[in-house]
Amino acid sequence: QVQFVESGGGLVQLGGSLRLSCAVSINILTMYAMGWYRQAPGKQRELVADITSAGSTTYADSVKGRFTISRDNTKNTVYLQMNSLKPEDTAVYYCNAPGPDLLVLWSWGQGTQVTVSS
């Protein structure tokens, strides 16, 4: 079973920045892609950004130009740099490893809470 440990969340003011980290228990190069997801209260979990093993990235429209996903294959760690944060970015953020069809087959970690105050 693959384990994901997210960290780096916190309370930040409107316009601030945070960098999230996700430590993965296996060699992430064996995964098709790594992704960051978020779930706000009362809403479904959504894919925010993903990065393939080849380094190709995709972003949700709501975060384009503000968030950057990256990976360090030597550390089996995935990052999410979040800039120009807005209150609507408030959510619990998770990482996981989606397949080519974006289906997630692995269990979720505990996530990390991001709260943006106005």
C-alpha atoms as a PDB file:
ATOM      1  CA  GLN A   1       0.000   0.000   0.000  1.00  0.00           C
ATOM      2  CA  VAL A   2       1.281   3.460  -0.888  1.00  0.00           C
ATOM      3  CA  GLN A   3       1.317   6.100   1.839  1.00  0.00           C
ATOM      4  CA  PHE A   4       1.096   9.856   1.340  1.00  0.00           C
ATOM      5  CA  VAL A   5       2.102  12.308   4.070  1.00  0.00           C
ATOM      6  CA  GLU A   6       1.118  15.907   3.401  1.00  0.00           C
ATOM      7  CA  SER A   7       2.518  18.898   5.263  1.00  0.00           C
ATOM      8  CA  GLY A   8       3.007  22.634   5.009  1.00  0.00           C
ATOM      9  CA  GLY A   9      -0.521  23.906   5.452  1.00  0.00           C
ATOM     10  CA  GLY A  10      -1.517  26.710   7.763  1.00  0.00           C
ATOM     11  CA  LEU A  11      -3.327  29.994   8.181  1.00  0.00           C
ATOM     12  CA  VAL A  12      -2.395  32.721   5.727  1.00  0.00           C
ATOM     13  CA  GLN A  13      -3.845  36.086   4.770  1.00  0.00           C
ATOM     14  CA  LEU A  14      -5.350  36.988   1.421  1.00  0.00           C
ATOM     15  CA  GLY A  15      -2.577  37.257  -1.148  1.00  0.00           C
ATOM     16  CA  GLY A  16      -0.132  35.192   0.864  1.00  0.00           C
ATOM     17  CA  SER A  17       1.837  32.091  -0.097  1.00  0.00           C
ATOM     18  CA  LEU A  18       2.333  28.565   1.162  1.00  0.00           C
ATOM     19  CA  ARG A  19       4.363  25.602  -0.016  1.00  0.00           C
ATOM     20  CA  LEU A  20       2.888  22.176   0.530  1.00  0.00           C
ATOM     21  CA  SER A  21       4.936  18.981   0.559  1.00  0.00           C
ATOM     22  CA  CYS A  22       3.884  15.380   0.064  1.00  0.00           C
ATOM     23  CA  ALA A  23       6.219  12.556   1.031  1.00  0.00           C
ATOM     24  CA  VAL A  24       5.425   9.287  -0.741  1.00  0.00           C
ATOM     25  CA  SER A  25       6.385   5.858   0.570  1.00  0.00           C
ATOM     26  CA  ILE A  26       7.494   4.448  -2.780  1.00  0.00           C
ATOM     27  CA  ASN A  27       9.475   5.492  -5.845  1.00  0.00           C
ATOM     28  CA  ILE A  28       7.208   8.081  -7.449  1.00  0.00           C
ATOM     29  CA  LEU A  29       8.719   7.411 -10.857  1.00  0.00           C
ATOM     30  CA  THR A  30       6.750   4.158 -10.850  1.00  0.00           C
ATOM     31  CA  MET A  31       3.538   6.215 -10.860  1.00  0.00           C
ATOM     32  CA  TYR A  32       1.993   7.586 -14.055  1.00  0.00           C
ATOM     33  CA  ALA A  33       1.484  10.934 -12.300  1.00  0.00           C
ATOM     34  CA  MET A  34       1.270  12.668  -8.960  1.00  0.00           C
ATOM     35  CA  GLY A  35      -1.529  15.043  -8.096  1.00  0.00           C
ATOM     36  CA  TRP A  36      -2.665  17.557  -5.524  1.00  0.00           C
ATOM     37  CA  TYR A  37      -6.324  17.588  -4.576  1.00  0.00           C
ATOM     38  CA  ARG A  38      -8.395  19.683  -2.225  1.00  0.00           C
ATOM     39  CA  GLN A  39     -11.690  19.365  -0.429  1.00  0.00           C
ATOM     40  CA  ALA A  40     -13.524  22.340   1.000  1.00  0.00           C
ATOM     41  CA  PRO A  41     -16.293  21.931   3.587  1.00  0.00           C
ATOM     42  CA  GLY A  42     -19.468  20.669   1.971  1.00  0.00           C
ATOM     43  CA  LYS A  43     -17.800  20.180  -1.411  1.00  0.00           C
ATOM     44  CA  GLN A  44     -16.415  17.256  -3.348  1.00  0.00           C
ATOM     45  CA  ARG A  45     -12.719  16.634  -3.530  1.00  0.00           C
ATOM     46  CA  GLU A  46     -11.237  18.144  -6.687  1.00  0.00           C
ATOM     47  CA  LEU A  47      -7.993  17.761  -8.588  1.00  0.00           C
ATOM     48  CA  VAL A  48      -5.994  20.984  -8.354  1.00  0.00           C
ATOM     49  CA  ALA A  49      -2.829  20.077 -10.241  1.00  0.00           C
ATOM     50  CA  ASP A  50      -0.969  17.039 -11.497  1.00  0.00           C
ATOM     51  CA  ILE A  51       2.463  16.276 -12.862  1.00  0.00           C
ATOM     52  CA  THR A  52       3.333  13.200 -14.907  1.00  0.00           C
ATOM     53  CA  SER A  53       6.503  11.157 -14.556  1.00  0.00           C
ATOM     54  CA  ALA A  54       7.699  12.970 -17.688  1.00  0.00           C
ATOM     55  CA  GLY A  55       7.174  16.340 -16.006  1.00  0.00           C
ATOM     56  CA  SER A  56       4.078  17.469 -17.876  1.00  0.00           C
ATOM     57  CA  THR A  57       1.760  19.564 -15.693  1.00  0.00           C
ATOM     58  CA  THR A  58      -1.958  20.318 -15.673  1.00  0.00           C
ATOM     59  CA  TYR A  59      -3.851  22.804 -13.499  1.00  0.00           C
ATOM     60  CA  ALA A  60      -7.441  23.492 -12.626  1.00  0.00           C
ATOM     61  CA  ASP A  61      -8.613  26.774 -14.124  1.00  0.00           C
ATOM     62  CA  SER A  62      -9.177  28.194 -10.659  1.00  0.00           C
ATOM     63  CA  VAL A  63      -5.455  27.969  -9.768  1.00  0.00           C
ATOM     64  CA  LYS A  64      -3.706  28.551 -13.095  1.00  0.00           C
ATOM     65  CA  GLY A  65      -1.029  31.183 -12.829  1.00  0.00           C
ATOM     66  CA  ARG A  66      -1.037  31.033  -9.026  1.00  0.00           C
ATOM     67  CA  PHE A  67      -0.088  27.443  -8.129  1.00  0.00           C
ATOM     68  CA  THR A  68       2.917  25.441  -9.283  1.00  0.00           C
ATOM     69  CA  ILE A  69       3.332  21.703  -8.862  1.00  0.00           C
ATOM     70  CA  SER A  70       6.782  20.154  -8.859  1.00  0.00           C
ATOM     71  CA  ARG A  71       8.468  16.935  -7.867  1.00  0.00           C
ATOM     72  CA  ASP A  72      11.787  15.749  -6.497  1.00  0.00           C
ATOM     73  CA  ASN A  73      12.189  12.167  -7.656  1.00  0.00           C
ATOM     74  CA  THR A  74      15.294  11.666  -5.507  1.00  0.00           C
ATOM     75  CA  LYS A  75      13.245  12.399  -2.386  1.00  0.00           C
ATOM     76  CA  ASN A  76       9.961  10.853  -3.547  1.00  0.00           C
ATOM     77  CA  THR A  77       8.335  14.173  -2.706  1.00  0.00           C
ATOM     78  CA  VAL A  78       5.818  16.327  -4.526  1.00  0.00           C
ATOM     79  CA  TYR A  79       5.356  20.030  -3.858  1.00  0.00           C
ATOM     80  CA  LEU A  80       2.645  22.598  -4.427  1.00  0.00           C
ATOM     81  CA  GLN A  81       3.705  26.227  -4.369  1.00  0.00           C
ATOM     82  CA  MET A  82       0.642  28.367  -3.802  1.00  0.00           C
ATOM     83  CA  ASN A  83       0.825  32.117  -4.387  1.00  0.00           C
ATOM     84  CA  SER A  84      -1.774  34.895  -4.376  1.00  0.00           C
ATOM     85  CA  LEU A  85      -3.989  32.820  -2.131  1.00  0.00           C
ATOM     86  CA  LYS A  86      -7.687  33.576  -1.927  1.00  0.00           C
ATOM     87  CA  PRO A  87     -10.314  32.660   0.683  1.00  0.00           C
ATOM     88  CA  GLU A  88     -11.820  30.215  -1.822  1.00  0.00           C
ATOM     89  CA  ASP A  89      -8.559  28.239  -1.693  1.00  0.00           C
ATOM     90  CA  THR A  90      -9.410  27.278   1.885  1.00  0.00           C
ATOM     91  CA  ALA A  91      -9.599  23.487   2.029  1.00  0.00           C
ATOM     92  CA  VAL A  92      -7.856  20.341   3.151  1.00  0.00           C
ATOM     93  CA  TYR A  93      -5.189  19.518   0.580  1.00  0.00           C
ATOM     94  CA  TYR A  94      -4.230  15.938  -0.270  1.00  0.00           C
ATOM     95  CA  CYS A  95      -1.848  14.289  -2.662  1.00  0.00           C
ATOM     96  CA  ASN A  96      -2.286  11.014  -4.493  1.00  0.00           C
ATOM     97  CA  ALA A  97      -1.268   9.227  -7.669  1.00  0.00           C
ATOM     98  CA  PRO A  98      -3.922   9.315 -10.412  1.00  0.00           C
ATOM     99  CA  GLY A  99      -3.730   7.020 -13.404  1.00  0.00           C
ATOM    100  CA  PRO A 100      -4.041   8.104 -17.057  1.00  0.00           C
ATOM    101  CA  ASP A 101      -7.828   8.100 -16.622  1.00  0.00           C
ATOM    102  CA  LEU A 102      -7.447  10.288 -13.501  1.00  0.00           C
ATOM    103  CA  LEU A 103      -8.827   7.508 -11.324  1.00  0.00           C
ATOM    104  CA  VAL A 104      -7.268   7.294  -7.868  1.00  0.00           C
ATOM    105  CA  LEU A 105      -6.669   3.788  -6.602  1.00  0.00           C
ATOM    106  CA  TRP A 106      -4.671   4.510  -3.460  1.00  0.00           C
ATOM    107  CA  SER A 107      -5.922   5.378   0.012  1.00  0.00           C
ATOM    108  CA  TRP A 108      -5.841   9.007   1.031  1.00  0.00           C
ATOM    109  CA  GLY A 109      -3.481  10.473   3.602  1.00  0.00           C
ATOM    110  CA  GLN A 110      -4.515  12.791   6.411  1.00  0.00           C
ATOM    111  CA  GLY A 111      -4.178  15.907   4.277  1.00  0.00           C
ATOM    112  CA  THR A 112      -3.024  19.336   5.361  1.00  0.00           C
ATOM    113  CA  GLN A 113      -5.364  22.218   6.179  1.00  0.00           C
ATOM    114  CA  VAL A 114      -4.988  25.489   4.306  1.00  0.00           C
ATOM    115  CA  THR A 115      -6.989  28.443   5.569  1.00  0.00           C
ATOM    116  CA  VAL A 116      -6.937  31.806   3.817  1.00  0.00           C
ATOM    117  CA  SER A 117      -8.361  34.736   5.746  1.00  0.00           C
ATOM    118  CA  SER A 118      -9.649  37.913   4.200  1.00  0.00           C
END
